[in-house]
C-alpha atoms as a PDB file:
ATOM      1  CA  MET A   1       3.539  24.746  -2.044  1.00  0.00           C
ATOM      2  CA  SER A   2       2.756  27.635   0.162  1.00  0.00           C
ATOM      3  CA  GLY A   3       5.600  30.170   0.562  1.00  0.00           C
ATOM      4  CA  VAL A   4       4.510  30.875   4.200  1.00  0.00           C
ATOM      5  CA  TYR A   5       5.881  27.707   5.523  1.00  0.00           C
ATOM      6  CA  PRO A   6       9.246  27.620   7.250  1.00  0.00           C
ATOM      7  CA  TYR A   7      12.033  25.925   5.361  1.00  0.00           C
ATOM      8  CA  THR A   8      12.306  22.928   7.379  1.00  0.00           C
ATOM      9  CA  PHE A   9       8.632  22.261   7.278  1.00  0.00           C
ATOM     10  CA  LYS A  10       8.411  22.555   3.599  1.00  0.00           C
ATOM     11  CA  LYS A  11      11.428  20.125   3.185  1.00  0.00           C
ATOM     12  CA  LEU A  12       9.573  17.643   5.529  1.00  0.00           C
ATOM     13  CA  ILE A  13       6.480  17.900   3.191  1.00  0.00           C
ATOM     14  CA  GLU A  14       8.586  17.513   0.074  1.00  0.00           C
ATOM     15  CA  THR A  15      10.306  14.442   1.622  1.00  0.00           C
ATOM     16  CA  ILE A  16       7.132  12.711   3.003  1.00  0.00           C
ATOM     17  CA  SER A  17       5.409  13.413  -0.463  1.00  0.00           C
ATOM     18  CA  GLN A  18       8.016  11.085  -1.987  1.00  0.00           C
ATOM     19  CA  LEU A  19       6.609   8.113  -0.113  1.00  0.00           C
ATOM     20  CA  PRO A  20       4.425   5.700  -2.144  1.00  0.00           C
ATOM     21  CA  GLY A  21       0.756   6.603  -2.151  1.00  0.00           C
ATOM     22  CA  LEU A  22       1.265  10.070  -0.560  1.00  0.00           C
ATOM     23  CA  GLY A  23       0.763  13.359  -2.394  1.00  0.00           C
ATOM     24  CA  GLU A  24       1.595  16.840  -1.205  1.00  0.00           C
ATOM     25  CA  LYS A  25      -1.885  17.157   0.575  1.00  0.00           C
ATOM     26  CA  SER A  26      -1.336  14.006   2.483  1.00  0.00           C
ATOM     27  CA  ALA A  27       2.244  14.915   3.311  1.00  0.00           C
ATOM     28  CA  THR A  28       1.205  18.278   4.664  1.00  0.00           C
ATOM     29  CA  ARG A  29      -1.464  16.639   6.931  1.00  0.00           C
ATOM     30  CA  ILE A  30       1.192  14.248   8.259  1.00  0.00           C
ATOM     31  CA  SER A  31       3.694  17.061   8.768  1.00  0.00           C
ATOM     32  CA  PHE A  32       1.297  19.178  10.847  1.00  0.00           C
ATOM     33  CA  PHE A  33       0.423  16.030  12.864  1.00  0.00           C
ATOM     34  CA  LEU A  34       4.184  15.422  13.509  1.00  0.00           C
ATOM     35  CA  LEU A  35       4.674  18.971  14.501  1.00  0.00           C
ATOM     36  CA  SER A  36       2.181  18.490  17.428  1.00  0.00           C
ATOM     37  CA  LYS A  37       3.888  15.246  18.565  1.00  0.00           C
ATOM     38  CA  PRO A  38       7.609  16.034  19.350  1.00  0.00           C
ATOM     39  CA  GLU A  39       8.052  12.726  21.210  1.00  0.00           C
ATOM     40  CA  LEU A  40       6.800  10.718  18.216  1.00  0.00           C
ATOM     41  CA  CYS A  41       9.314  12.735  16.003  1.00  0.00           C
ATOM     42  CA  GLU A  42      12.189  11.707  18.118  1.00  0.00           C
ATOM     43  CA  ILE A  43      11.061   8.069  18.005  1.00  0.00           C
ATOM     44  CA  LEU A  44      10.513   8.111  14.281  1.00  0.00           C
ATOM     45  CA  GLY A  45      13.888   9.886  13.705  1.00  0.00           C
ATOM     46  CA  GLU A  46      15.795   7.220  15.627  1.00  0.00           C
ATOM     47  CA  LEU A  47      14.023   4.274  13.929  1.00  0.00           C
ATOM     48  CA  ILE A  48      14.573   5.831  10.500  1.00  0.00           C
ATOM     49  CA  LYS A  49      18.167   6.299  11.076  1.00  0.00           C
ATOM     50  CA  GLU A  50      18.745   2.762  12.345  1.00  0.00           C
ATOM     51  CA  LEU A  51      16.493   1.088   9.731  1.00  0.00           C
ATOM     52  CA  PRO A  52      19.135   0.599   6.890  1.00  0.00           C
ATOM     53  CA  TYR A  53      21.655  -0.697   9.385  1.00  0.00           C
ATOM     54  CA  LYS A  54      19.571  -2.953  11.731  1.00  0.00           C
ATOM     55  CA  VAL A  55      17.101  -4.467   9.113  1.00  0.00           C
ATOM     56  CA  LYS A  56      18.756  -6.865   6.581  1.00  0.00           C
ATOM     57  CA  LEU A  57      17.592  -9.738   4.339  1.00  0.00           C
ATOM     58  CA  CYS A  58      17.727 -13.340   5.741  1.00  0.00           C
ATOM     59  CA  LYS A  59      20.548 -15.247   4.056  1.00  0.00           C
ATOM     60  CA  PHE A  60      18.055 -18.222   3.191  1.00  0.00           C
ATOM     61  CA  CYS A  61      14.814 -16.716   2.266  1.00  0.00           C
ATOM     62  CA  ARG A  62      15.447 -13.019   1.788  1.00  0.00           C
ATOM     63  CA  ASN A  63      12.770 -12.007   4.296  1.00  0.00           C
ATOM     64  CA  LEU A  64      13.430  -9.025   6.404  1.00  0.00           C
ATOM     65  CA  SER A  65      15.326  -9.822   9.525  1.00  0.00           C
ATOM     66  CA  GLU A  66      17.566  -8.143  12.224  1.00  0.00           C
ATOM     67  CA  GLU A  67      19.609 -11.344  12.232  1.00  0.00           C
ATOM     68  CA  GLU A  68      21.497 -13.387   9.649  1.00  0.00           C
ATOM     69  CA  ILE A  69      18.832 -15.876   9.726  1.00  0.00           C
ATOM     70  CA  CYS A  70      15.076 -15.045  10.227  1.00  0.00           C
ATOM     71  CA  SER A  71      12.740 -16.621  12.730  1.00  0.00           C
ATOM     72  CA  ILE A  72      10.926 -18.582  10.051  1.00  0.00           C
ATOM     73  CA  CYS A  73      14.121 -20.141   8.666  1.00  0.00           C
ATOM     74  CA  LYS A  74      15.286 -21.031  12.147  1.00  0.00           C
ATOM     75  CA  ASP A  75      11.944 -22.816  12.936  1.00  0.00           C
ATOM     76  CA  GLU A  76      12.752 -26.480  12.451  1.00  0.00           C
ATOM     77  CA  LYS A  77       9.155 -27.589  13.180  1.00  0.00           C
ATOM     78  CA  ARG A  78       8.153 -26.258   9.680  1.00  0.00           C
ATOM     79  CA  ASN A  79       7.690 -28.639   6.690  1.00  0.00           C
ATOM     80  CA  SER A  80      11.127 -28.623   4.939  1.00  0.00           C
ATOM     81  CA  GLU A  81       9.710 -30.071   1.714  1.00  0.00           C
ATOM     82  CA  LEU A  82       7.409 -27.176   0.933  1.00  0.00           C
ATOM     83  CA  LEU A  83       8.843 -23.659  -0.496  1.00  0.00           C
ATOM     84  CA  CYS A  84       6.507 -20.832  -1.102  1.00  0.00           C
ATOM     85  CA  ILE A  85       7.601 -18.130  -3.434  1.00  0.00           C
ATOM     86  CA  VAL A  86       6.299 -14.611  -2.720  1.00  0.00           C
ATOM     87  CA  GLU A  87       6.950 -11.199  -4.322  1.00  0.00           C
ATOM     88  CA  ASN A  88       7.686  -9.334  -1.054  1.00  0.00           C
ATOM     89  CA  PRO A  89       7.612  -9.445   2.771  1.00  0.00           C
ATOM     90  CA  VAL A  90       4.138  -8.089   2.864  1.00  0.00           C
ATOM     91  CA  SER A  91       2.801 -10.882   1.026  1.00  0.00           C
ATOM     92  CA  LEU A  92       4.658 -13.427   3.173  1.00  0.00           C
ATOM     93  CA  SER A  93       3.168 -11.814   6.316  1.00  0.00           C
ATOM     94  CA  TYR A  94      -0.320 -12.160   4.888  1.00  0.00           C
ATOM     95  CA  ILE A  95       0.101 -15.748   4.047  1.00  0.00           C
ATOM     96  CA  GLU A  96       1.560 -16.331   7.514  1.00  0.00           C
ATOM     97  CA  GLU A  97      -1.505 -14.753   9.076  1.00  0.00           C
ATOM     98  CA  THR A  98      -3.768 -17.375   7.421  1.00  0.00           C
ATOM     99  CA  GLY A  99      -2.154 -20.131   9.638  1.00  0.00           C
ATOM    100  CA  VAL A 100      -2.427 -22.683   6.772  1.00  0.00           C
ATOM    101  CA  PHE A 101       1.085 -22.815   5.383  1.00  0.00           C
ATOM    102  CA  ASN A 102       3.889 -24.316   7.486  1.00  0.00           C
ATOM    103  CA  GLY A 103       6.716 -24.520   4.979  1.00  0.00           C
ATOM    104  CA  TYR A 104       9.411 -22.060   4.220  1.00  0.00           C
ATOM    105  CA  TYR A 105       9.548 -19.098   1.853  1.00  0.00           C
ATOM    106  CA  PHE A 106      11.614 -17.455  -0.679  1.00  0.00           C
ATOM    107  CA  VAL A 107      11.021 -13.678  -1.265  1.00  0.00           C
ATOM    108  CA  LEU A 108      11.735 -12.323  -4.817  1.00  0.00           C
ATOM    109  CA  HIS A 109      11.385  -8.566  -3.943  1.00  0.00           C
ATOM    110  CA  TYR A 110      10.677  -7.897  -7.586  1.00  0.00           C
ATOM    111  CA  LEU A 111       8.301  -9.088 -10.454  1.00  0.00           C
ATOM    112  CA  LEU A 112       9.704  -9.223 -14.012  1.00  0.00           C
ATOM    113  CA  SER A 113       9.080  -5.812 -15.538  1.00  0.00           C
ATOM    114  CA  PRO A 114      11.352  -4.887 -18.412  1.00  0.00           C
ATOM    115  CA  LYS A 115      10.110  -1.384 -18.668  1.00  0.00           C
ATOM    116  CA  ASP A 116      11.230  -0.786 -15.145  1.00  0.00           C
ATOM    117  CA  GLY A 117      14.591  -2.428 -15.917  1.00  0.00           C
ATOM    118  CA  ILE A 118      13.720  -5.570 -13.713  1.00  0.00           C
ATOM    119  CA  GLY A 119      14.975  -8.717 -15.545  1.00  0.00           C
ATOM    120  CA  PRO A 120      15.676 -12.383 -14.374  1.00  0.00           C
ATOM    121  CA  LYS A 121      18.893 -11.236 -12.669  1.00  0.00           C
ATOM    122  CA  GLU A 122      16.995  -9.226 -10.127  1.00  0.00           C
ATOM    123  CA  LEU A 123      14.856 -12.043  -9.040  1.00  0.00           C
ATOM    124  CA  GLY A 124      17.768 -13.979  -7.407  1.00  0.00           C
ATOM    125  CA  LEU A 125      16.600 -17.449  -8.669  1.00  0.00           C
ATOM    126  CA  ASP A 126      20.005 -18.753  -8.339  1.00  0.00           C
ATOM    127  CA  HIS A 127      19.539 -18.460  -4.531  1.00  0.00           C
ATOM    128  CA  MET A 128      16.208 -20.034  -5.017  1.00  0.00           C
ATOM    129  CA  LEU A 129      17.830 -23.101  -6.615  1.00  0.00           C
ATOM    130  CA  TYR A 130      20.302 -23.348  -3.802  1.00  0.00           C
ATOM    131  CA  LEU A 131      17.463 -23.393  -1.334  1.00  0.00           C
ATOM    132  CA  ILE A 132      15.771 -26.236  -3.191  1.00  0.00           C
ATOM    133  CA  LYS A 133      18.838 -28.386  -2.927  1.00  0.00           C
ATOM    134  CA  LEU A 134      19.732 -27.352   0.680  1.00  0.00           C
ATOM    135  CA  ARG A 135      16.239 -28.141   2.043  1.00  0.00           C
ATOM    136  CA  ASN A 136      15.474 -31.061  -0.238  1.00  0.00           C
ATOM    137  CA  ILE A 137      12.288 -29.216  -1.476  1.00  0.00           C
ATOM    138  CA  ARG A 138       9.601 -31.469  -3.001  1.00  0.00           C
ATOM    139  CA  GLU A 139       6.976 -28.901  -3.853  1.00  0.00           C
ATOM    140  CA  ILE A 140       7.191 -25.300  -4.755  1.00  0.00           C
ATOM    141  CA  ILE A 141       4.068 -23.029  -4.277  1.00  0.00           C
ATOM    142  CA  ILE A 142       4.061 -19.965  -6.373  1.00  0.00           C
ATOM    143  CA  ALA A 143       2.081 -17.208  -4.603  1.00  0.00           C
ATOM    144  CA  LEU A 144       2.415 -14.211  -6.656  1.00  0.00           C
ATOM    145  CA  SER A 145      -0.232 -11.619  -7.387  1.00  0.00           C
ATOM    146  CA  PRO A 146      -2.245 -12.416 -10.461  1.00  0.00           C
ATOM    147  CA  THR A 147      -1.144  -9.426 -12.497  1.00  0.00           C
ATOM    148  CA  LEU A 148       0.495  -9.393 -15.830  1.00  0.00           C
ATOM    149  CA  SER A 149       3.954  -9.080 -14.171  1.00  0.00           C
ATOM    150  CA  GLY A 150       3.024 -11.897 -11.725  1.00  0.00           C
ATOM    151  CA  GLU A 151       1.930 -14.196 -14.460  1.00  0.00           C
ATOM    152  CA  ALA A 152       5.168 -13.488 -16.481  1.00  0.00           C
ATOM    153  CA  THR A 153       7.244 -14.194 -13.451  1.00  0.00           C
ATOM    154  CA  THR A 154       5.423 -17.339 -12.799  1.00  0.00           C
ATOM    155  CA  SER A 155       6.119 -18.488 -16.349  1.00  0.00           C
ATOM    156  CA  TYR A 156       9.687 -17.780 -16.036  1.00  0.00           C
ATOM    157  CA  ILE A 157      10.104 -19.461 -12.708  1.00  0.00           C
ATOM    158  CA  LEU A 158       8.535 -22.505 -14.278  1.00  0.00           C
ATOM    159  CA  GLU A 159      10.950 -22.446 -17.125  1.00  0.00           C
ATOM    160  CA  VAL A 160      13.904 -22.425 -14.694  1.00  0.00           C
ATOM    161  CA  LEU A 161      12.619 -25.317 -12.766  1.00  0.00           C
ATOM    162  CA  LYS A 162      11.712 -27.572 -15.785  1.00  0.00           C
ATOM    163  CA  ASP A 163      14.698 -29.814 -15.105  1.00  0.00           C
ATOM    164  CA  TYR A 164      14.399 -29.933 -11.365  1.00  0.00           C
ATOM    165  CA  PRO A 165      12.473 -32.926  -9.713  1.00  0.00           C
ATOM    166  CA  VAL A 166       9.984 -30.693  -7.912  1.00  0.00           C
ATOM    167  CA  LYS A 167       6.327 -30.423  -8.095  1.00  0.00           C
ATOM    168  CA  VAL A 168       5.211 -26.691  -8.838  1.00  0.00           C
ATOM    169  CA  THR A 169       1.856 -25.408  -7.919  1.00  0.00           C
ATOM    170  CA  LYS A 170       0.338 -21.936  -7.730  1.00  0.00           C
ATOM    171  CA  ILE A 171      -2.354 -20.517  -5.516  1.00  0.00           C
ATOM    172  CA  ALA A 172      -5.909 -20.883  -6.945  1.00  0.00           C
ATOM    173  CA  CYS A 173      -7.458 -18.075  -8.799  1.00  0.00           C
ATOM    174  CA  GLY A 174     -10.036 -17.323  -6.232  1.00  0.00           C
ATOM    175  CA  ILE A 175      -7.972 -14.224  -6.122  1.00  0.00           C
ATOM    176  CA  PRO A 176      -9.279 -11.697  -8.783  1.00  0.00           C
ATOM    177  CA  MET A 177      -6.903 -11.125 -11.722  1.00  0.00           C
ATOM    178  CA  GLY A 178      -4.919  -7.907 -11.118  1.00  0.00           C
ATOM    179  CA  MET A 179      -5.316  -7.790  -7.360  1.00  0.00           C
ATOM    180  CA  GLU A 180      -2.340  -7.804  -5.042  1.00  0.00           C
ATOM    181  CA  ILE A 181      -2.188 -10.406  -2.364  1.00  0.00           C
ATOM    182  CA  GLN A 182      -2.016  -8.002   0.502  1.00  0.00           C
ATOM    183  CA  PHE A 183      -5.382  -6.659  -0.465  1.00  0.00           C
ATOM    184  CA  VAL A 184      -7.051 -10.177  -0.477  1.00  0.00           C
ATOM    185  CA  ASP A 185      -9.296 -11.105   2.482  1.00  0.00           C
ATOM    186  CA  PRO A 186      -7.976 -13.972   4.752  1.00  0.00           C
ATOM    187  CA  LEU A 187     -10.709 -16.429   3.790  1.00  0.00           C
ATOM    188  CA  THR A 188     -10.106 -16.092   0.069  1.00  0.00           C
ATOM    189  CA  LEU A 189      -6.296 -16.371   0.605  1.00  0.00           C
ATOM    190  CA  LYS A 190      -6.801 -19.594   2.666  1.00  0.00           C
ATOM    191  CA  LYS A 191      -8.898 -21.178  -0.136  1.00  0.00           C
ATOM    192  CA  ALA A 192      -6.368 -20.151  -2.692  1.00  0.00           C
ATOM    193  CA  LEU A 193      -3.604 -21.770  -0.883  1.00  0.00           C
ATOM    194  CA  PHE A 194      -5.614 -25.131  -0.316  1.00  0.00           C
ATOM    195  CA  GLY A 195      -6.917 -25.162  -3.834  1.00  0.00           C
ATOM    196  CA  ARG A 196      -3.719 -24.416  -5.557  1.00  0.00           C
ATOM    197  CA  GLU A 197      -3.210 -25.467  -9.201  1.00  0.00           C
ATOM    198  CA  ILE A 198      -0.460 -27.892 -10.299  1.00  0.00           C
ATOM    199  CA  LEU A 199       1.868 -26.297 -12.905  1.00  0.00           C
ATOM    200  CA  LYS A 200       4.371 -29.029 -12.966  1.00  0.00           C
ATOM    201  CA  GLU A 201       4.722 -32.545 -11.489  1.00  0.00           C
ATOM    202  CA  LYS A 202       8.075 -33.831 -10.223  1.00  0.00           C
END
């Protein structure tokens, strides 16, 4: 990094470059942009300070929420017999935008990845089983990205559910192998939800 930059500016570049998908060049461009926008800096600074204290996980589905229970879990008009399992809140939001799913969700936040130290315990499936009983779930839709980790996680969830009287389906493979759900176009995602594959009958 250039030695001509002031210390604070260099530290900002170093910090921004730690964000996913951003290298030093991108971080430098962002830092110069922020330098020209003092009001934006103030807003961002306040939001970043508040983020870990105001945004938490919903006690039911583990989606992001500023309250104990998120707006989706509070919605009594949704189909209480359907539970859709997603990897993260980003995937959840993309499925919601299709407008074709009206059940509830469970957010894993991780996919099985032994090399990254992510095992079954990190998935929080005990909480998922609690939800199944609480909501009297009849069908579980597994909506994970068709990657190796996604497929391994799907297989593990299926094993956990083998003795539960629930139907298990997964979204259809109109989604290319290896592609993450948030990069799939809405029409393909709708078709995948409608054409889901049965993995386990009740």
